[in-house]
Amino acid sequence: MIQYNKSLRKQNTFGLEVSASKYCEFITLDELKALLDKHYSAQEPLLILGGGSNLLLTSDFEGLVLHPTSQNIEVIKEDENWVWIKVDAGRNWHELVLYTIEKGWGGLENLSLIPGNVGAAPIQNIGAYGVELKDSFSSLEAFELLSGTVLKFDGNDCDFGYRNSYFKREGKGKYIILNVTFRLSKKPVFNVEYGTIRETLGEMGVKDLTLKAISDAVIHIRQSK
């Protein structure tokens, strides 16, 4: 359902009192297509709003704001060493990290407490403490606005760089990311050499490394800053 003159104060981490002339939430691809067909024209501004954590809204947005709220996590493949999970764009990033830690799947633990949602993570190629999203990335699906079709992108297609990707450069404004698939390890190799992780683990009295211990250390470091 569309909302007019919708306040975005609770949906940007700066808490600025700005509004969107048109605002819609969507879960499914069919809902997204219907919203675009009915409420969007290529001549007006379009903003895909995730967690609002990497966004500074300096004035009201005179266009359509779309907010994905899909939350699904699906195991799509696994073998003895790896598991592949498809995660919807609307899932909170840190909630995803905690979920993978609970399952014993390694790869995202160093990225604990990064704000935002899953759909935005590949755009920025988020990274922290010696780990980047691209290290666990398998593929993503994105809706192309021009053609109205869903395309699949692998790591080469995304052309990841330092806090950068195809979607931040040539592909900016052309796609809506629907989901991201990660390849995670069932036999994790712990990365504790970056920054003060090892030192923090010692201060916390950790003797046996676990995914949760590393996550807790990263959270402690981030919160202390």
Protein backbone atom coordinates (compact mmCIF):
# COMPACT_ATOMS: atom_id res chain seq x y z
CA MET A 1 0.00 0.00 0.00
CA ILE A 2 1.30 3.42 -0.92
CA GLN A 3 1.70 6.17 1.67
CA TYR A 4 1.92 9.85 0.78
CA ASN A 5 4.13 12.41 2.56
CA LYS A 6 5.54 9.59 4.68
CA SER A 7 7.94 10.60 7.47
CA LEU A 8 11.33 8.90 7.17
CA ARG A 9 12.61 9.99 10.57
CA LYS A 10 12.57 6.46 11.99
CA GLN A 11 14.13 5.01 8.85
CA ASN A 12 17.38 6.92 8.71
CA THR A 13 19.97 6.51 11.44
CA PHE A 14 20.57 10.25 11.70
CA GLY A 15 16.92 10.59 12.71
CA LEU A 16 16.35 13.58 10.45
CA GLU A 17 12.75 14.71 10.04
CA VAL A 18 12.32 14.37 6.30
CA SER A 19 9.50 12.85 4.30
CA ALA A 20 8.89 11.03 1.03
CA SER A 21 6.17 12.21 -1.31
CA LYS A 22 5.40 8.54 -2.05
CA TYR A 23 6.46 5.52 0.02
CA CYS A 24 5.84 1.80 -0.47
CA GLU A 25 7.00 -1.38 1.21
CA PHE A 26 7.20 -4.66 -0.68
CA ILE A 27 7.92 -8.31 0.07
CA THR A 28 7.54 -10.24 -3.17
CA LEU A 29 8.68 -9.61 -6.72
CA ASP A 30 5.06 -9.46 -7.87
CA GLU A 31 4.37 -6.74 -5.30
CA LEU A 32 7.39 -4.78 -6.52
CA LYS A 33 6.30 -4.99 -10.15
CA ALA A 34 2.75 -3.92 -9.29
CA LEU A 35 4.01 -0.93 -7.29
CA LEU A 36 6.28 0.21 -10.09
CA ASP A 37 3.57 -0.21 -12.73
CA LYS A 38 1.05 1.81 -10.74
CA HIS A 39 3.08 4.42 -8.90
CA TYR A 40 6.35 5.04 -10.75
CA SER A 41 7.40 6.79 -13.90
CA ALA A 42 10.96 6.91 -15.20
CA GLN A 43 10.92 10.72 -15.05
CA GLU A 44 10.67 10.89 -11.25
CA PRO A 45 13.33 10.19 -8.60
CA LEU A 46 13.45 6.68 -7.10
CA LEU A 47 15.10 5.72 -3.83
CA ILE A 48 15.57 2.17 -2.55
CA LEU A 49 15.69 2.50 1.23
CA GLY A 50 17.18 -0.29 3.31
CA GLY A 51 18.29 0.29 6.89
CA GLY A 52 18.99 3.99 6.28
CA SER A 53 22.45 3.69 7.83
CA ASN A 54 24.55 5.00 4.95
CA LEU A 55 22.22 7.79 3.96
CA LEU A 56 22.04 11.48 4.77
CA LEU A 57 18.68 12.93 3.76
CA THR A 58 19.05 16.71 3.70
CA SER A 59 15.54 17.50 2.43
CA ASP A 60 12.21 15.88 1.63
CA PHE A 61 12.39 13.28 -1.15
CA GLU A 62 10.17 14.33 -4.04
CA GLY A 63 9.73 10.92 -5.61
CA LEU A 64 9.03 7.27 -4.83
CA VAL A 65 10.75 5.51 -1.92
CA LEU A 66 10.68 1.70 -2.02
CA HIS A 67 11.50 -0.27 1.11
CA PRO A 68 12.07 -4.06 0.87
CA THR A 69 10.85 -5.89 3.96
CA SER A 70 11.44 -9.50 2.89
CA GLN A 71 13.25 -11.52 5.57
CA ASN A 72 13.69 -15.07 4.27
CA ILE A 73 16.85 -17.13 4.70
CA GLU A 74 17.00 -20.32 2.62
CA VAL A 75 19.66 -23.02 2.38
CA ILE A 76 19.91 -23.69 -1.33
CA LYS A 77 22.89 -26.06 -1.41
CA GLU A 78 25.42 -27.67 0.89
CA ASP A 79 28.21 -30.20 0.92
CA GLU A 80 30.67 -31.50 3.50
CA ASN A 81 32.55 -28.21 3.75
CA TRP A 82 30.23 -25.42 2.63
CA VAL A 83 26.67 -24.18 2.82
CA TRP A 84 25.04 -21.72 0.43
CA ILE A 85 22.27 -19.54 1.82
CA LYS A 86 20.00 -17.15 -0.06
CA VAL A 87 19.01 -14.15 2.05
CA ASP A 88 16.32 -11.62 1.16
CA ALA A 89 17.29 -7.98 0.80
CA GLY A 90 15.19 -6.77 3.71
CA ARG A 91 16.98 -8.85 6.34
CA ASN A 92 18.91 -6.87 8.93
CA TRP A 93 22.63 -7.47 8.42
CA HIS A 94 23.63 -8.03 12.04
CA GLU A 95 20.66 -10.37 12.58
CA LEU A 96 21.95 -12.41 9.63
CA VAL A 97 25.45 -12.56 11.13
CA LEU A 98 24.06 -13.79 14.47
CA TYR A 99 21.96 -16.39 12.65
CA THR A 100 25.00 -17.80 10.82
CA ILE A 101 26.99 -17.92 14.06
CA GLU A 102 24.18 -19.83 15.77
CA LYS A 103 24.24 -22.33 12.91
CA GLY A 104 28.03 -22.70 13.15
CA TRP A 105 28.67 -21.31 9.67
CA GLY A 106 31.80 -19.22 9.33
CA GLY A 107 32.57 -16.24 7.14
CA LEU A 108 30.54 -13.30 8.40
CA GLU A 109 31.51 -13.15 12.09
CA ASN A 110 34.09 -10.36 11.59
CA LEU A 111 31.31 -8.28 10.02
CA SER A 112 29.25 -8.20 13.22
CA LEU A 113 27.34 -5.05 14.17
CA ILE A 114 27.64 -3.38 10.78
CA PRO A 115 24.42 -1.39 10.39
CA GLY A 116 22.06 -1.74 7.45
CA ASN A 117 20.27 -4.47 5.55
CA VAL A 118 21.45 -7.34 3.35
CA GLY A 119 20.36 -5.77 0.07
CA ALA A 120 22.71 -2.82 0.47
CA ALA A 121 25.72 -4.87 1.58
CA PRO A 122 27.02 -5.84 -1.91
CA ILE A 123 26.68 -2.28 -3.20
CA GLN A 124 29.23 -1.08 -0.65
CA ASN A 125 31.12 -4.39 -0.46
CA ILE A 126 30.99 -3.91 3.30
CA GLY A 127 34.08 -4.90 5.24
CA ALA A 128 35.64 -4.85 8.67
CA TYR A 129 38.52 -6.42 10.60
CA GLY A 130 40.22 -8.13 7.70
CA VAL A 131 37.06 -9.47 6.01
CA GLU A 132 34.95 -8.17 3.11
CA LEU A 133 31.55 -9.25 1.89
CA LYS A 134 33.08 -10.47 -1.37
CA ASP A 135 34.98 -13.16 0.58
CA SER A 136 31.71 -15.02 1.27
CA PHE A 137 29.70 -13.78 -1.71
CA SER A 138 28.31 -16.27 -4.21
CA SER A 139 25.71 -14.38 -6.25
CA LEU A 140 22.75 -12.01 -6.10
CA GLU A 141 19.50 -11.46 -7.95
CA ALA A 142 18.45 -7.96 -8.97
CA PHE A 143 15.44 -6.47 -10.72
CA GLU A 144 16.45 -4.38 -13.73
CA LEU A 145 14.25 -1.31 -13.94
CA LEU A 146 14.67 -0.77 -17.68
CA SER A 147 13.73 -4.29 -18.80
CA GLY A 148 11.52 -5.33 -15.89
CA THR A 149 13.40 -8.62 -15.57
CA VAL A 150 15.40 -10.33 -12.83
CA LEU A 151 19.10 -10.83 -13.54
CA LYS A 152 21.67 -12.92 -11.66
CA PHE A 153 25.11 -11.48 -10.86
CA ASP A 154 28.16 -13.46 -9.74
CA GLY A 155 31.28 -12.01 -8.17
CA ASN A 156 32.86 -11.06 -11.49
CA ASP A 157 29.69 -9.28 -12.58
CA CYS A 158 29.67 -7.28 -9.36
CA ASP A 159 33.29 -6.16 -9.91
CA PHE A 160 33.92 -5.66 -6.21
CA GLY A 161 36.54 -3.20 -5.02
CA TYR A 162 37.38 -1.59 -1.71
CA ARG A 163 33.97 -0.42 -0.40
CA ASN A 164 32.86 -0.43 -4.01
CA SER A 165 31.05 -2.45 -6.67
CA TYR A 166 29.42 -2.28 -10.08
CA PHE A 167 26.17 -1.23 -8.39
CA LYS A 168 27.85 1.84 -6.93
CA ARG A 169 29.29 2.87 -10.30
CA GLU A 170 27.99 1.86 -13.74
CA GLY A 171 24.95 0.07 -12.35
CA LYS A 172 23.91 2.82 -9.96
CA GLY A 173 20.16 3.47 -10.09
CA LYS A 174 19.52 0.70 -12.61
CA TYR A 175 18.69 -2.22 -10.32
CA ILE A 176 16.84 -3.22 -7.17
CA ILE A 177 18.68 -6.00 -5.33
CA LEU A 178 16.23 -8.72 -4.26
CA ASN A 179 18.44 -11.27 -2.49
CA VAL A 180 22.05 -12.25 -1.90
CA THR A 181 23.52 -15.77 -1.78
CA PHE A 182 26.50 -16.43 0.49
CA ARG A 183 28.88 -19.39 0.63
CA LEU A 184 29.75 -20.08 4.27
CA SER A 185 32.16 -22.55 5.80
CA LYS A 186 31.14 -25.51 7.95
CA LYS A 187 34.79 -25.73 9.02
CA PRO A 188 35.60 -22.11 9.82
CA VAL A 189 39.07 -20.63 9.71
CA PHE A 190 39.21 -17.86 12.30
CA ASN A 191 40.54 -14.45 11.29
CA VAL A 192 41.85 -12.67 14.39
CA GLU A 193 44.98 -10.90 13.14
CA TYR A 194 43.39 -7.63 12.09
CA GLY A 195 43.19 -4.67 14.46
CA THR A 196 42.89 -5.51 18.13
CA ILE A 197 40.77 -8.66 17.86
CA ARG A 198 43.38 -11.00 19.35
CA GLU A 199 44.17 -8.52 22.12
CA THR A 200 40.46 -8.04 22.88
CA LEU A 201 39.90 -11.80 23.01
CA GLY A 202 42.69 -11.99 25.60
CA GLU A 203 41.12 -9.23 27.66
CA MET A 204 37.83 -11.11 27.53
CA GLY A 205 39.54 -14.26 28.83
CA VAL A 206 38.81 -16.31 25.71
CA LYS A 207 40.99 -19.39 25.48
CA ASP A 208 39.12 -21.43 22.85
CA LEU A 209 38.27 -19.59 19.65
CA THR A 210 34.69 -19.80 18.43
CA LEU A 211 32.62 -17.86 15.92
CA LYS A 212 30.68 -16.28 18.78
CA ALA A 213 33.84 -15.27 20.64
CA ILE A 214 35.16 -13.46 17.56
CA SER A 215 31.79 -11.81 17.01
CA ASP A 216 31.64 -10.72 20.65
CA ALA A 217 35.14 -9.26 20.39
CA VAL A 218 34.25 -7.33 17.23
CA ILE A 219 31.08 -6.04 18.85
CA HIS A 220 33.04 -4.94 21.90
CA ILE A 221 35.59 -3.09 19.75
CA ARG A 222 32.93 -1.38 17.65
CA GLN A 223 30.89 -0.32 20.66
CA SER A 224 33.96 1.03 22.44
CA LYS A 225 34.53 3.38 19.53
